[in-house]
Amino acid sequence: MTIEPLRWTFDVACAADHAFRVWTGGIATWWPADHTVSGAEDSVVVLEGRVGGRIFERTADGAEHDWGELTAWEPPSRLAYLWFLRTDRGDATDVEIRFVAMGDSATRVEIEHSG
C-alpha cells in the first residue's frame, strides 16, 4: 500500500527570508509545548541550521530529546529533515518545507510530509 504524502500550503505576509528565519531561528517561540516529548512549558526547541543539524527539545533540567535531523539547508528557500518526534529514528519520516517568494512582502509556505 502506498500512502500519499501530506501537503499543506499557506501564505504569510512577509518576505521569504523573514519567513524562513522565523520558522527556523524562532522555532522556540512558536512551537506548542503540547507537541513536545516532555510537554513542559519551559522546554526549548532547537533547530541547528545546517545539513546534519539536529532538531531537539531541551528541558529546564538540561535533558535533550532528539526529534529530527536536517537533510537540506538552503536559506531562505528550503529546508528538509528526517522527523522522529516520539518515535524511533529508524521509523523517521521526511519533511520538506519550501518558502516561495510571492513578491517583496508575501511568501507561500509549502510543506510536504512523507514516509
Protein backbone atom coordinates (compact mmCIF):
# COMPACT_ATOMS: atom_id res chain seq x y z
CA MET A 1 0.00 0.00 0.00
CA THR A 2 1.32 3.44 -0.94
CA ILE A 3 0.38 6.33 1.30
CA GLU A 4 0.23 9.73 -0.34
CA PRO A 5 2.33 12.48 1.25
CA LEU A 6 0.60 15.07 3.40
CA ARG A 7 0.79 18.51 1.82
CA TRP A 8 -0.03 21.93 3.24
CA THR A 9 0.30 25.30 1.56
CA PHE A 10 -0.38 28.69 3.08
CA ASP A 11 0.64 32.30 2.51
CA VAL A 12 2.24 34.65 5.00
CA ALA A 13 2.52 38.44 4.78
CA CYS A 14 6.30 38.82 4.86
CA ALA A 15 9.37 38.32 2.71
CA ALA A 16 10.70 34.77 2.22
CA ASP A 17 13.91 35.45 4.17
CA HIS A 18 11.90 36.64 7.18
CA ALA A 19 9.53 33.66 6.99
CA PHE A 20 12.49 31.27 6.83
CA ARG A 21 14.20 32.98 9.79
CA VAL A 22 11.07 32.87 11.98
CA TRP A 23 10.36 29.24 11.06
CA THR A 24 13.91 28.05 11.79
CA GLY A 25 15.60 30.50 14.17
CA GLY A 26 12.41 31.33 16.03
CA ILE A 27 11.03 27.81 16.38
CA ALA A 28 11.29 28.01 20.18
CA THR A 29 8.86 30.95 20.17
CA TRP A 30 6.04 29.32 18.25
CA TRP A 31 6.30 25.54 18.73
CA PRO A 32 3.47 24.39 21.09
CA ALA A 33 4.58 22.73 24.34
CA ASP A 34 1.90 20.04 23.98
CA HIS A 35 3.70 18.84 20.82
CA THR A 36 6.96 18.07 22.63
CA VAL A 37 8.33 14.98 24.35
CA SER A 38 8.22 16.48 27.84
CA GLY A 39 5.15 18.69 27.46
CA ALA A 40 6.93 21.22 29.67
CA GLU A 41 6.14 24.89 29.06
CA ASP A 42 9.74 25.82 29.89
CA SER A 43 11.40 23.45 27.41
CA VAL A 44 13.20 24.99 24.44
CA VAL A 45 13.10 23.71 20.86
CA VAL A 46 16.38 23.99 18.96
CA LEU A 47 16.92 23.67 15.21
CA GLU A 48 20.61 23.57 14.26
CA GLY A 49 20.77 25.34 10.89
CA ARG A 50 22.98 23.07 8.78
CA VAL A 51 22.80 19.74 6.98
CA GLY A 52 23.23 17.10 9.67
CA GLY A 53 21.99 19.55 12.32
CA ARG A 54 19.63 18.30 14.98
CA ILE A 55 16.11 19.33 15.83
CA PHE A 56 15.68 18.71 19.53
CA GLU A 57 14.00 19.72 22.74
CA ARG A 58 15.99 20.84 25.78
CA THR A 59 14.19 20.75 29.12
CA ALA A 60 14.85 23.10 32.02
CA ASP A 61 16.94 20.41 33.75
CA GLY A 62 19.18 20.07 30.66
CA ALA A 63 17.79 16.82 29.23
CA GLU A 64 17.73 16.71 25.43
CA HIS A 65 15.25 14.78 23.28
CA ASP A 66 16.10 14.42 19.58
CA TRP A 67 13.23 14.97 17.16
CA GLY A 68 14.92 15.14 13.80
CA GLU A 69 17.97 15.70 11.61
CA LEU A 70 18.31 18.24 8.81
CA THR A 71 18.90 16.75 5.37
CA ALA A 72 18.73 20.02 3.37
CA TRP A 73 19.52 23.61 4.38
CA GLU A 74 19.04 26.23 1.66
CA PRO A 75 18.15 29.60 3.24
CA PRO A 76 15.86 31.32 2.54
CA SER A 77 14.05 28.96 0.21
CA ARG A 78 14.14 25.38 1.51
CA LEU A 79 14.86 23.01 4.36
CA ALA A 80 14.21 19.30 4.78
CA TYR A 81 14.63 16.87 7.63
CA LEU A 82 14.09 13.40 8.95
CA TRP A 83 11.35 13.57 11.57
CA PHE A 84 11.19 11.16 14.51
CA LEU A 85 9.47 13.05 17.34
CA ARG A 86 8.23 10.50 19.89
CA THR A 87 9.35 7.56 17.73
CA ASP A 88 12.47 5.59 16.91
CA ARG A 89 14.89 7.16 14.42
CA GLY A 90 14.51 4.03 12.28
CA ASP A 91 10.86 4.99 11.75
CA ALA A 92 11.63 8.56 10.68
CA THR A 93 9.51 10.29 8.08
CA ASP A 94 10.61 13.01 5.63
CA VAL A 95 9.57 16.65 5.82
CA GLU A 96 10.37 19.29 3.22
CA ILE A 97 9.45 22.95 3.59
CA ARG A 98 9.75 25.50 0.78
CA PHE A 99 9.45 29.27 1.10
CA VAL A 100 8.37 30.71 -2.25
CA ALA A 101 8.60 34.48 -2.62
CA MET A 102 5.34 35.95 -3.92
CA GLY A 103 6.68 39.49 -4.15
CA ASP A 104 8.53 41.63 -1.62
CA SER A 105 6.09 41.12 1.24
CA ALA A 106 4.38 37.78 0.69
CA THR A 107 5.58 34.19 0.84
CA ARG A 108 3.93 30.90 0.07
CA VAL A 109 4.96 28.16 2.53
CA GLU A 110 4.75 24.65 1.05
CA ILE A 111 5.10 21.65 3.38
CA GLU A 112 5.29 18.03 2.31
CA HIS A 113 5.46 15.21 4.89
CA SER A 114 6.01 11.71 3.54
CA GLY A 115 7.07 8.29 4.64
